[in-house]
Amino acid sequence: MITRTVTVGSAMGLHARPAAMFATAVEQTGLDVVLRHGGEEADAASALDIMALGIAGGETVTIGVDEGETGAGGAGAADATDVAGATAEDIEAKLDELAALLSRDFDAADGV
């Protein structure tokens, strides 16, 4: 799994607005991204799943994409790469962008 660990920047945590913005960004990547926190995992493309994790501001989370998305595995993995249209480098870059998004403070006046 390709992962990024990031500290949540929103002072109020991943409540409705930042969770929805993050889920939308994940959906736009075309990747199956998971969000992990406190031993639990959520579909990062679902704002409700994200909010169910109860992530507070300043807490650390991990986002990740299964290595099968990169074509590193067998025939099924190659299909996943075609569907996602992403190379390993593309996935790394998209995860970097998503991590940067999570580190922003959406509750600050200029966090929009």
PDB file of N, CA and C in Angstrom:
ATOM      1  N   MET A   1       0.846  -1.178   0.000  1.00  0.00           N
ATOM      2  CA  MET A   1       0.000   0.000   0.000  1.00  0.00           C
ATOM      3  C   MET A   1       0.891   1.242   0.000  1.00  0.00           C
ATOM      4  N   ILE A   2       0.562   2.186  -0.829  1.00  0.00           N
ATOM      5  CA  ILE A   2       1.242   3.481  -0.868  1.00  0.00           C
ATOM      6  C   ILE A   2       0.489   4.379   0.097  1.00  0.00           C
ATOM      7  N   THR A   3       1.193   4.959   1.051  1.00  0.00           N
ATOM      8  CA  THR A   3       0.514   5.740   2.082  1.00  0.00           C
ATOM      9  C   THR A   3       1.167   7.103   2.307  1.00  0.00           C
ATOM     10  N   ARG A   4       0.403   7.949   2.954  1.00  0.00           N
ATOM     11  CA  ARG A   4       0.884   9.234   3.442  1.00  0.00           C
ATOM     12  C   ARG A   4       0.308   9.415   4.836  1.00  0.00           C
ATOM     13  N   THR A   5       1.111   9.890   5.755  1.00  0.00           N
ATOM     14  CA  THR A   5       0.637  10.214   7.095  1.00  0.00           C
ATOM     15  C   THR A   5       0.627  11.728   7.213  1.00  0.00           C
ATOM     16  N   VAL A   6      -0.475  12.257   7.717  1.00  0.00           N
ATOM     17  CA  VAL A   6      -0.640  13.704   7.743  1.00  0.00           C
ATOM     18  C   VAL A   6      -1.381  14.127   9.013  1.00  0.00           C
ATOM     19  N   THR A   7      -1.061  15.305   9.494  1.00  0.00           N
ATOM     20  CA  THR A   7      -1.767  15.892  10.628  1.00  0.00           C
ATOM     21  C   THR A   7      -2.912  16.738  10.088  1.00  0.00           C
ATOM     22  N   VAL A   8      -4.105  16.504  10.618  1.00  0.00           N
ATOM     23  CA  VAL A   8      -5.299  17.221  10.163  1.00  0.00           C
ATOM     24  C   VAL A   8      -5.178  18.686  10.569  1.00  0.00           C
ATOM     25  N   GLY A   9      -5.275  19.559   9.585  1.00  0.00           N
ATOM     26  CA  GLY A   9      -5.076  20.987   9.815  1.00  0.00           C
ATOM     27  C   GLY A   9      -6.300  21.739  10.280  1.00  0.00           C
ATOM     28  N   SER A  10      -7.489  21.250   9.967  1.00  0.00           N
ATOM     29  CA  SER A  10      -8.704  21.959  10.373  1.00  0.00           C
ATOM     30  C   SER A  10      -8.830  21.939  11.885  1.00  0.00           C
ATOM     31  N   ALA A  11      -8.928  23.119  12.465  1.00  0.00           N
ATOM     32  CA  ALA A  11      -8.970  23.247  13.918  1.00  0.00           C
ATOM     33  C   ALA A  11     -10.123  22.455  14.534  1.00  0.00           C
ATOM     34  N   MET A  12     -11.219  22.368  13.842  1.00  0.00           N
ATOM     35  CA  MET A  12     -12.391  21.656  14.352  1.00  0.00           C
ATOM     36  C   MET A  12     -12.440  20.207  13.877  1.00  0.00           C
ATOM     37  N   GLY A  13     -11.392  19.747  13.227  1.00  0.00           N
ATOM     38  CA  GLY A  13     -11.342  18.358  12.766  1.00  0.00           C
ATOM     39  C   GLY A  13     -12.070  18.155  11.448  1.00  0.00           C
ATOM     40  N   LEU A  14     -12.296  16.897  11.131  1.00  0.00           N
ATOM     41  CA  LEU A  14     -12.951  16.578   9.860  1.00  0.00           C
ATOM     42  C   LEU A  14     -14.460  16.471  10.054  1.00  0.00           C
ATOM     43  N   HIS A  15     -15.072  17.640  10.267  1.00  0.00           N
ATOM     44  CA  HIS A  15     -16.526  17.729  10.360  1.00  0.00           C
ATOM     45  C   HIS A  15     -17.086  17.804   8.934  1.00  0.00           C
ATOM     46  N   ALA A  16     -18.353  18.126   8.787  1.00  0.00           N
ATOM     47  CA  ALA A  16     -19.049  18.027   7.501  1.00  0.00           C
ATOM     48  C   ALA A  16     -18.343  18.717   6.331  1.00  0.00           C
ATOM     49  N   ARG A  17     -18.002  19.969   6.492  1.00  0.00           N
ATOM     50  CA  ARG A  17     -17.439  20.709   5.358  1.00  0.00           C
ATOM     51  C   ARG A  17     -16.079  20.172   4.907  1.00  0.00           C
ATOM     52  N   PRO A  18     -15.081  20.076   5.784  1.00  0.00           N
ATOM     53  CA  PRO A  18     -13.795  19.554   5.316  1.00  0.00           C
ATOM     54  C   PRO A  18     -13.878  18.087   4.886  1.00  0.00           C
ATOM     55  N   ALA A  19     -14.740  17.307   5.535  1.00  0.00           N
ATOM     56  CA  ALA A  19     -14.892  15.905   5.132  1.00  0.00           C
ATOM     57  C   ALA A  19     -15.471  15.819   3.722  1.00  0.00           C
ATOM     58  N   ALA A  20     -16.452  16.658   3.432  1.00  0.00           N
ATOM     59  CA  ALA A  20     -17.060  16.658   2.101  1.00  0.00           C
ATOM     60  C   ALA A  20     -16.067  17.135   1.044  1.00  0.00           C
ATOM     61  N   MET A  21     -15.293  18.160   1.371  1.00  0.00           N
ATOM     62  CA  MET A  21     -14.307  18.669   0.410  1.00  0.00           C
ATOM     63  C   MET A  21     -13.234  17.614   0.139  1.00  0.00           C
ATOM     64  N   PHE A  22     -12.789  16.926   1.190  1.00  0.00           N
ATOM     65  CA  PHE A  22     -11.776  15.893   1.017  1.00  0.00           C
ATOM     66  C   PHE A  22     -12.343  14.718   0.220  1.00  0.00           C
ATOM     67  N   ALA A  23     -13.554  14.286   0.549  1.00  0.00           N
ATOM     68  CA  ALA A  23     -14.176  13.168  -0.163  1.00  0.00           C
ATOM     69  C   ALA A  23     -14.344  13.481  -1.647  1.00  0.00           C
ATOM     70  N   THR A  24     -14.723  14.704  -1.961  1.00  0.00           N
ATOM     71  CA  THR A  24     -14.860  15.121  -3.359  1.00  0.00           C
ATOM     72  C   THR A  24     -13.515  15.066  -4.070  1.00  0.00           C
ATOM     73  N   ALA A  25     -12.483  15.543  -3.408  1.00  0.00           N
ATOM     74  CA  ALA A  25     -11.136  15.513  -4.000  1.00  0.00           C
ATOM     75  C   ALA A  25     -10.685  14.071  -4.234  1.00  0.00           C
ATOM     76  N   VAL A  26     -10.975  13.193  -3.289  1.00  0.00           N
ATOM     77  CA  VAL A  26     -10.619  11.778  -3.437  1.00  0.00           C
ATOM     78  C   VAL A  26     -11.355  11.184  -4.631  1.00  0.00           C
ATOM     79  N   GLU A  27     -12.644  11.458  -4.714  1.00  0.00           N
ATOM     80  CA  GLU A  27     -13.460  10.941  -5.810  1.00  0.00           C
ATOM     81  C   GLU A  27     -12.902  11.379  -7.161  1.00  0.00           C
ATOM     82  N   GLN A  28     -12.429  12.607  -7.245  1.00  0.00           N
ATOM     83  CA  GLN A  28     -11.897  13.139  -8.498  1.00  0.00           C
ATOM     84  C   GLN A  28     -10.590  12.473  -8.914  1.00  0.00           C
ATOM     85  N   THR A  29      -9.881  11.842  -7.976  1.00  0.00           N
ATOM     86  CA  THR A  29      -8.637  11.157  -8.332  1.00  0.00           C
ATOM     87  C   THR A  29      -8.909   9.876  -9.098  1.00  0.00           C
ATOM     88  N   GLY A  30     -10.077   9.278  -8.910  1.00  0.00           N
ATOM     89  CA  GLY A  30     -10.389   8.006  -9.547  1.00  0.00           C
ATOM     90  C   GLY A  30      -9.742   6.817  -8.849  1.00  0.00           C
ATOM     91  N   LEU A  31      -9.155   7.050  -7.689  1.00  0.00           N
ATOM     92  CA  LEU A  31      -8.479   5.987  -6.941  1.00  0.00           C
ATOM     93  C   LEU A  31      -9.332   5.542  -5.759  1.00  0.00           C
ATOM     94  N   ASP A  32      -9.120   4.305  -5.316  1.00  0.00           N
ATOM     95  CA  ASP A  32      -9.766   3.793  -4.111  1.00  0.00           C
ATOM     96  C   ASP A  32      -8.866   4.119  -2.929  1.00  0.00           C
ATOM     97  N   VAL A  33      -9.116   5.260  -2.311  1.00  0.00           N
ATOM     98  CA  VAL A  33      -8.288   5.740  -1.208  1.00  0.00           C
ATOM     99  C   VAL A  33      -8.971   5.377   0.106  1.00  0.00           C
ATOM    100  N   VAL A  34      -8.175   4.900   1.056  1.00  0.00           N
ATOM    101  CA  VAL A  34      -8.686   4.622   2.389  1.00  0.00           C
ATOM    102  C   VAL A  34      -8.079   5.630   3.363  1.00  0.00           C
ATOM    103  N   LEU A  35      -8.838   5.938   4.395  1.00  0.00           N
ATOM    104  CA  LEU A  35      -8.406   6.850   5.447  1.00  0.00           C
ATOM    105  C   LEU A  35      -8.386   6.043   6.737  1.00  0.00           C
ATOM    106  N   ARG A  36      -7.249   6.047   7.425  1.00  0.00           N
ATOM    107  CA  ARG A  36      -7.104   5.285   8.669  1.00  0.00           C
ATOM    108  C   ARG A  36      -6.839   6.223   9.837  1.00  0.00           C
ATOM    109  N   HIS A  37      -7.526   5.896  10.939  1.00  0.00           N
ATOM    110  CA  HIS A  37      -7.351   6.688  12.162  1.00  0.00           C
ATOM    111  C   HIS A  37      -7.777   5.829  13.348  1.00  0.00           C
ATOM    112  N   GLY A  38      -6.935   5.780  14.356  1.00  0.00           N
ATOM    113  CA  GLY A  38      -7.288   5.072  15.579  1.00  0.00           C
ATOM    114  C   GLY A  38      -7.642   3.612  15.387  1.00  0.00           C
ATOM    115  N   GLY A  39      -6.976   2.946  14.471  1.00  0.00           N
ATOM    116  CA  GLY A  39      -7.246   1.536  14.239  1.00  0.00           C
ATOM    117  C   GLY A  39      -8.471   1.260  13.386  1.00  0.00           C
ATOM    118  N   GLU A  40      -9.130   2.302  12.927  1.00  0.00           N
ATOM    119  CA  GLU A  40     -10.304   2.141  12.067  1.00  0.00           C
ATOM    120  C   GLU A  40      -9.995   2.652  10.678  1.00  0.00           C
ATOM    121  N   GLU A  41     -10.769   2.187   9.712  1.00  0.00           N
ATOM    122  CA  GLU A  41     -10.554   2.540   8.312  1.00  0.00           C
ATOM    123  C   GLU A  41     -11.866   2.993   7.688  1.00  0.00           C
ATOM    124  N   ALA A  42     -11.771   3.966   6.792  1.00  0.00           N
ATOM    125  CA  ALA A  42     -12.954   4.489   6.112  1.00  0.00           C
ATOM    126  C   ALA A  42     -12.667   4.666   4.630  1.00  0.00           C
ATOM    127  N   ASP A  43     -13.730   4.593   3.844  1.00  0.00           N
ATOM    128  CA  ASP A  43     -13.654   4.918   2.422  1.00  0.00           C
ATOM    129  C   ASP A  43     -13.482   6.434   2.341  1.00  0.00           C
ATOM    130  N   ALA A  44     -12.344   6.876   1.838  1.00  0.00           N
ATOM    131  CA  ALA A  44     -12.045   8.308   1.825  1.00  0.00           C
ATOM    132  C   ALA A  44     -12.888   9.089   0.819  1.00  0.00           C
ATOM    133  N   ALA A  45     -13.652   8.400  -0.015  1.00  0.00           N
ATOM    134  CA  ALA A  45     -14.537   9.082  -0.950  1.00  0.00           C
ATOM    135  C   ALA A  45     -15.926   9.293  -0.352  1.00  0.00           C
ATOM    136  N   SER A  46     -16.100   8.929   0.919  1.00  0.00           N
ATOM    137  CA  SER A  46     -17.388   9.076   1.585  1.00  0.00           C
ATOM    138  C   SER A  46     -17.262  10.028   2.775  1.00  0.00           C
ATOM    139  N   ALA A  47     -17.895  11.183   2.667  1.00  0.00           N
ATOM    140  CA  ALA A  47     -17.852  12.159   3.759  1.00  0.00           C
ATOM    141  C   ALA A  47     -18.438  11.563   5.039  1.00  0.00           C
ATOM    142  N   LEU A  48     -19.487  10.769   4.919  1.00  0.00           N
ATOM    143  CA  LEU A  48     -20.092  10.166   6.109  1.00  0.00           C
ATOM    144  C   LEU A  48     -19.136   9.183   6.779  1.00  0.00           C
ATOM    145  N   ASP A  49     -18.444   8.378   5.984  1.00  0.00           N
ATOM    146  CA  ASP A  49     -17.458   7.446   6.541  1.00  0.00           C
ATOM    147  C   ASP A  49     -16.336   8.204   7.240  1.00  0.00           C
ATOM    148  N   ILE A  50     -15.905   9.304   6.624  1.00  0.00           N
ATOM    149  CA  ILE A  50     -14.832  10.122   7.210  1.00  0.00           C
ATOM    150  C   ILE A  50     -15.285  10.697   8.551  1.00  0.00           C
ATOM    151  N   MET A  51     -16.481  11.283   8.580  1.00  0.00           N
ATOM    152  CA  MET A  51     -16.983  11.888   9.810  1.00  0.00           C
ATOM    153  C   MET A  51     -17.185  10.850  10.898  1.00  0.00           C
ATOM    154  N   ALA A  52     -17.531   9.626  10.530  1.00  0.00           N
ATOM    155  CA  ALA A  52     -17.756   8.562  11.515  1.00  0.00           C
ATOM    156  C   ALA A  52     -16.487   8.216  12.289  1.00  0.00           C
ATOM    157  N   LEU A  53     -15.323   8.544  11.735  1.00  0.00           N
ATOM    158  CA  LEU A  53     -14.066   8.272  12.422  1.00  0.00           C
ATOM    159  C   LEU A  53     -13.822   9.245  13.581  1.00  0.00           C
ATOM    160  N   GLY A  54     -14.534  10.374  13.595  1.00  0.00           N
ATOM    161  CA  GLY A  54     -14.414  11.336  14.690  1.00  0.00           C
ATOM    162  C   GLY A  54     -13.027  11.946  14.815  1.00  0.00           C
ATOM    163  N   ILE A  55     -12.459  12.371  13.709  1.00  0.00           N
ATOM    164  CA  ILE A  55     -11.092  12.896  13.688  1.00  0.00           C
ATOM    165  C   ILE A  55     -11.086  14.367  14.107  1.00  0.00           C
ATOM    166  N   ALA A  56     -10.335  14.657  15.151  1.00  0.00           N
ATOM    167  CA  ALA A  56     -10.228  16.017  15.662  1.00  0.00           C
ATOM    168  C   ALA A  56      -9.052  16.740  15.003  1.00  0.00           C
ATOM    169  N   GLY A  57      -9.079  18.052  15.081  1.00  0.00           N
ATOM    170  CA  GLY A  57      -7.979  18.849  14.560  1.00  0.00           C
ATOM    171  C   GLY A  57      -6.681  18.514  15.268  1.00  0.00           C
ATOM    172  N   GLY A  58      -5.600  18.449  14.508  1.00  0.00           N
ATOM    173  CA  GLY A  58      -4.290  18.152  15.065  1.00  0.00           C
ATOM    174  C   GLY A  58      -3.983  16.671  15.196  1.00  0.00           C
ATOM    175  N   GLU A  59      -4.975  15.814  14.949  1.00  0.00           N
ATOM    176  CA  GLU A  59      -4.728  14.380  15.013  1.00  0.00           C
ATOM    177  C   GLU A  59      -4.071  13.903  13.719  1.00  0.00           C
ATOM    178  N   THR A  60      -3.377  12.791  13.825  1.00  0.00           N
ATOM    179  CA  THR A  60      -2.678  12.224  12.675  1.00  0.00           C
ATOM    180  C   THR A  60      -3.513  11.122  12.047  1.00  0.00           C
ATOM    181  N   VAL A  61      -3.592  11.153  10.717  1.00  0.00           N
ATOM    182  CA  VAL A  61      -4.302  10.128   9.951  1.00  0.00           C
ATOM    183  C   VAL A  61      -3.378   9.601   8.862  1.00  0.00           C
ATOM    184  N   THR A  62      -3.756   8.462   8.318  1.00  0.00           N
ATOM    185  CA  THR A  62      -3.018   7.889   7.193  1.00  0.00           C
ATOM    186  C   THR A  62      -3.977   7.701   6.042  1.00  0.00           C
ATOM    187  N   ILE A  63      -3.563   8.138   4.872  1.00  0.00           N
ATOM    188  CA  ILE A  63      -4.333   7.869   3.656  1.00  0.00           C
ATOM    189  C   ILE A  63      -3.505   6.911   2.816  1.00  0.00           C
ATOM    190  N   GLY A  64      -4.183   6.039   2.090  1.00  0.00           N
ATOM    191  CA  GLY A  64      -3.436   5.076   1.303  1.00  0.00           C
ATOM    192  C   GLY A  64      -4.219   4.515   0.137  1.00  0.00           C
ATOM    193  N   VAL A  65      -3.456   3.969  -0.804  1.00  0.00           N
ATOM    194  CA  VAL A  65      -4.004   3.311  -1.985  1.00  0.00           C
ATOM    195  C   VAL A  65      -3.349   1.945  -2.064  1.00  0.00           C
ATOM    196  N   ASP A  66      -4.139   0.908  -2.289  1.00  0.00           N
ATOM    197  CA  ASP A  66      -3.615  -0.445  -2.410  1.00  0.00           C
ATOM    198  C   ASP A  66      -2.620  -0.508  -3.558  1.00  0.00           C
ATOM    199  N   GLU A  67      -1.540  -1.233  -3.363  1.00  0.00           N
ATOM    200  CA  GLU A  67      -0.513  -1.346  -4.400  1.00  0.00           C
ATOM    201  C   GLU A  67      -1.060  -1.923  -5.692  1.00  0.00           C
ATOM    202  N   GLY A  68      -2.162  -2.652  -5.639  1.00  0.00           N
ATOM    203  CA  GLY A  68      -2.796  -3.180  -6.848  1.00  0.00           C
ATOM    204  C   GLY A  68      -3.184  -2.083  -7.815  1.00  0.00           C
ATOM    205  N   GLU A  69      -3.430  -0.887  -7.297  1.00  0.00           N
ATOM    206  CA  GLU A  69      -3.769   0.249  -8.150  1.00  0.00           C
ATOM    207  C   GLU A  69      -2.608   0.641  -9.048  1.00  0.00           C
ATOM    208  N   THR A  70      -1.378   0.263  -8.664  1.00  0.00           N
ATOM    209  CA  THR A  70      -0.211   0.672  -9.429  1.00  0.00           C
ATOM    210  C   THR A  70       0.196  -0.340 -10.475  1.00  0.00           C
ATOM    211  N   GLY A  71      -0.480  -1.478 -10.479  1.00  0.00           N
ATOM    212  CA  GLY A  71      -0.100  -2.521 -11.411  1.00  0.00           C
ATOM    213  C   GLY A  71       1.044  -3.369 -10.874  1.00  0.00           C
ATOM    214  N   ALA A  72       1.333  -3.273  -9.578  1.00  0.00           N
ATOM    215  CA  ALA A  72       2.438  -4.013  -8.986  1.00  0.00           C
ATOM    216  C   ALA A  72       2.118  -5.485  -8.796  1.00  0.00           C
ATOM    217  N   GLY A  73       0.844  -5.839  -8.851  1.00  0.00           N
ATOM    218  CA  GLY A  73       0.435  -7.225  -8.626  1.00  0.00           C
ATOM    219  C   GLY A  73       0.178  -7.959  -9.921  1.00  0.00           C
ATOM    220  N   GLY A  74      -0.789  -8.902  -9.884  1.00  0.00           N
ATOM    221  CA  GLY A  74      -1.099  -9.749 -11.040  1.00  0.00           C
ATOM    222  C   GLY A  74      -1.989  -9.071 -12.052  1.00  0.00           C
ATOM    223  N   ALA A  75      -2.727  -9.895 -12.818  1.00  0.00           N
ATOM    224  CA  ALA A  75      -3.562  -9.399 -13.920  1.00  0.00           C
ATOM    225  C   ALA A  75      -4.630  -8.436 -13.424  1.00  0.00           C
ATOM    226  N   GLY A  76      -5.233  -8.724 -12.250  1.00  0.00           N
ATOM    227  CA  GLY A  76      -6.244  -7.821 -11.704  1.00  0.00           C
ATOM    228  C   GLY A  76      -5.679  -6.446 -11.431  1.00  0.00           C
ATOM    229  N   ALA A  77      -4.440  -6.406 -11.010  1.00  0.00           N
ATOM    230  CA  ALA A  77      -3.796  -5.124 -10.720  1.00  0.00           C
ATOM    231  C   ALA A  77      -3.607  -4.327 -11.997  1.00  0.00           C
ATOM    232  N   ALA A  78      -3.281  -4.994 -13.086  1.00  0.00           N
ATOM    233  CA  ALA A  78      -3.124  -4.290 -14.354  1.00  0.00           C
ATOM    234  C   ALA A  78      -4.444  -3.662 -14.761  1.00  0.00           C
ATOM    235  N   ASP A  79      -5.556  -4.392 -14.528  1.00  0.00           N
ATOM    236  CA  ASP A  79      -6.866  -3.835 -14.830  1.00  0.00           C
ATOM    237  C   ASP A  79      -7.134  -2.608 -13.967  1.00  0.00           C
ATOM    238  N   ALA A  80      -6.739  -2.671 -12.699  1.00  0.00           N
ATOM    239  CA  ALA A  80      -6.956  -1.536 -11.795  1.00  0.00           C
ATOM    240  C   ALA A  80      -6.201  -0.313 -12.286  1.00  0.00           C
ATOM    241  N   THR A  81      -4.991  -0.517 -12.787  1.00  0.00           N
ATOM    242  CA  THR A  81      -4.221   0.610 -13.306  1.00  0.00           C
ATOM    243  C   THR A  81      -4.923   1.220 -14.506  1.00  0.00           C
ATOM    244  N   ASP A  82      -5.458   0.371 -15.390  1.00  0.00           N
ATOM    245  CA  ASP A  82      -6.178   0.884 -16.555  1.00  0.00           C
ATOM    246  C   ASP A  82      -7.407   1.681 -16.126  1.00  0.00           C
ATOM    247  N   VAL A  83      -8.150   1.145 -15.155  1.00  0.00           N
ATOM    248  CA  VAL A  83      -9.353   1.822 -14.694  1.00  0.00           C
ATOM    249  C   VAL A  83      -8.995   3.160 -14.065  1.00  0.00           C
ATOM    250  N   ALA A  84      -7.987   3.162 -13.217  1.00  0.00           N
ATOM    251  CA  ALA A  84      -7.602   4.394 -12.548  1.00  0.00           C
ATOM    252  C   ALA A  84      -6.844   5.325 -13.480  1.00  0.00           C
ATOM    253  N   GLY A  85      -6.243   4.761 -14.540  1.00  0.00           N
ATOM    254  CA  GLY A  85      -5.464   5.576 -15.467  1.00  0.00           C
ATOM    255  C   GLY A  85      -4.255   6.189 -14.803  1.00  0.00           C
ATOM    256  N   ALA A  86      -3.692   5.487 -13.814  1.00  0.00           N
ATOM    257  CA  ALA A  86      -2.618   6.091 -13.039  1.00  0.00           C
ATOM    258  C   ALA A  86      -1.414   5.165 -12.927  1.00  0.00           C
ATOM    259  N   THR A  87      -0.244   5.736 -13.065  1.00  0.00           N
ATOM    260  CA  THR A  87       0.999   5.016 -12.810  1.00  0.00           C
ATOM    261  C   THR A  87       1.332   5.187 -11.328  1.00  0.00           C
ATOM    262  N   ALA A  88       2.341   4.493 -10.851  1.00  0.00           N
ATOM    263  CA  ALA A  88       2.764   4.638  -9.459  1.00  0.00           C
ATOM    264  C   ALA A  88       3.116   6.095  -9.163  1.00  0.00           C
ATOM    265  N   GLU A  89       3.755   6.756 -10.112  1.00  0.00           N
ATOM    266  CA  GLU A  89       4.125   8.164  -9.919  1.00  0.00           C
ATOM    267  C   GLU A  89       2.889   9.047  -9.833  1.00  0.00           C
ATOM    268  N   ASP A  90       1.863   8.730 -10.649  1.00  0.00           N
ATOM    269  CA  ASP A  90       0.607   9.486 -10.593  1.00  0.00           C
ATOM    270  C   ASP A  90      -0.050   9.336  -9.231  1.00  0.00           C
ATOM    271  N   ILE A  91      -0.045   8.106  -8.728  1.00  0.00           N
ATOM    272  CA  ILE A  91      -0.663   7.835  -7.434  1.00  0.00           C
ATOM    273  C   ILE A  91       0.083   8.570  -6.329  1.00  0.00           C
ATOM    274  N   GLU A  92       1.404   8.529  -6.379  1.00  0.00           N
ATOM    275  CA  GLU A  92       2.215   9.241  -5.385  1.00  0.00           C
ATOM    276  C   GLU A  92       1.862  10.734  -5.398  1.00  0.00           C
ATOM    277  N   ALA A  93       1.772  11.312  -6.583  1.00  0.00           N
ATOM    278  CA  ALA A  93       1.465  12.738  -6.707  1.00  0.00           C
ATOM    279  C   ALA A  93       0.064  13.052  -6.198  1.00  0.00           C
ATOM    280  N   LYS A  94      -0.899  12.181  -6.519  1.00  0.00           N
ATOM    281  CA  LYS A  94      -2.270  12.412  -6.056  1.00  0.00           C
ATOM    282  C   LYS A  94      -2.362  12.297  -4.541  1.00  0.00           C
ATOM    283  N   LEU A  95      -1.653  11.334  -3.957  1.00  0.00           N
ATOM    284  CA  LEU A  95      -1.650  11.223  -2.502  1.00  0.00           C
ATOM    285  C   LEU A  95      -1.004  12.437  -1.850  1.00  0.00           C
ATOM    286  N   ASP A  96       0.042  12.974  -2.478  1.00  0.00           N
ATOM    287  CA  ASP A  96       0.667  14.197  -1.965  1.00  0.00           C
ATOM    288  C   ASP A  96      -0.335  15.353  -1.959  1.00  0.00           C
ATOM    289  N   GLU A  97      -1.107  15.474  -3.030  1.00  0.00           N
ATOM    290  CA  GLU A  97      -2.111  16.533  -3.119  1.00  0.00           C
ATOM    291  C   GLU A  97      -3.189  16.355  -2.060  1.00  0.00           C
ATOM    292  N   LEU A  98      -3.632  15.113  -1.870  1.00  0.00           N
ATOM    293  CA  LEU A  98      -4.659  14.842  -0.865  1.00  0.00           C
ATOM    294  C   LEU A  98      -4.129  15.112   0.540  1.00  0.00           C
ATOM    295  N   ALA A  99      -2.887  14.752   0.789  1.00  0.00           N
ATOM    296  CA  ALA A  99      -2.276  15.011   2.100  1.00  0.00           C
ATOM    297  C   ALA A  99      -2.199  16.513   2.358  1.00  0.00           C
ATOM    298  N   ALA A 100      -1.835  17.266   1.337  1.00  0.00           N
ATOM    299  CA  ALA A 100      -1.768  18.727   1.476  1.00  0.00           C
ATOM    300  C   ALA A 100      -3.153  19.298   1.784  1.00  0.00           C
ATOM    301  N   LEU A 101      -4.167  18.741   1.170  1.00  0.00           N
ATOM    302  CA  LEU A 101      -5.533  19.195   1.408  1.00  0.00           C
ATOM    303  C   LEU A 101      -5.932  18.935   2.860  1.00  0.00           C
ATOM    304  N   LEU A 102      -5.615  17.753   3.372  1.00  0.00           N
ATOM    305  CA  LEU A 102      -5.944  17.425   4.760  1.00  0.00           C
ATOM    306  C   LEU A 102      -5.215  18.317   5.760  1.00  0.00           C
ATOM    307  N   SER A 103      -4.040  18.782   5.390  1.00  0.00           N
ATOM    308  CA  SER A 103      -3.254  19.597   6.323  1.00  0.00           C
ATOM    309  C   SER A 103      -3.717  21.054   6.363  1.00  0.00           C
ATOM    310  N   ARG A 104      -4.605  21.445   5.452  1.00  0.00           N
ATOM    311  CA  ARG A 104      -5.128  22.820   5.446  1.00  0.00           C
ATOM    312  C   ARG A 104      -6.146  23.020   6.559  1.00  0.00           C
ATOM    313  N   ASP A 105      -6.225  24.241   7.064  1.00  0.00           N
ATOM    314  CA  ASP A 105      -7.231  24.567   8.078  1.00  0.00           C
ATOM    315  C   ASP A 105      -8.437  25.184   7.393  1.00  0.00           C
ATOM    316  N   PHE A 106      -9.440  24.352   7.140  1.00  0.00           N
ATOM    317  CA  PHE A 106     -10.666  24.832   6.483  1.00  0.00           C
ATOM    318  C   PHE A 106     -11.515  25.684   7.413  1.00  0.00           C
ATOM    319  N   ASP A 107     -11.192  25.673   8.695  1.00  0.00           N
ATOM    320  CA  ASP A 107     -11.958  26.480   9.650  1.00  0.00           C
ATOM    321  C   ASP A 107     -11.401  27.889   9.785  1.00  0.00           C
ATOM    322  N   ALA A 108     -10.212  28.139   9.229  1.00  0.00           N
ATOM    323  CA  ALA A 108      -9.623  29.480   9.244  1.00  0.00           C
ATOM    324  C   ALA A 108     -10.304  30.331   8.185  1.00  0.00           C
ATOM    325  N   ALA A 109     -10.274  31.622   8.360  1.00  0.00           N
ATOM    326  CA  ALA A 109     -10.931  32.539   7.430  1.00  0.00           C
ATOM    327  C   ALA A 109     -10.413  32.392   6.014  1.00  0.00           C
ATOM    328  N   ASP A 110      -9.122  32.102   5.841  1.00  0.00           N
ATOM    329  CA  ASP A 110      -8.560  31.985   4.500  1.00  0.00           C
ATOM    330  C   ASP A 110      -8.409  30.524   4.064  1.00  0.00           C
ATOM    331  N   GLY A 111      -9.001  29.578   4.792  1.00  0.00           N
ATOM    332  CA  GLY A 111      -8.857  28.157   4.499  1.00  0.00           C
ATOM    333  C   GLY A 111      -9.724  27.664   3.366  1.00  0.00           C
ATOM    334  N   VAL A 112     -10.546  28.545   2.806  1.00  0.00           N
ATOM    335  CA  VAL A 112     -11.468  28.152   1.753  1.00  0.00           C
ATOM    336  C   VAL A 112     -10.770  27.697   0.552  1.00  0.00           C
TER     337      VAL A 112
END
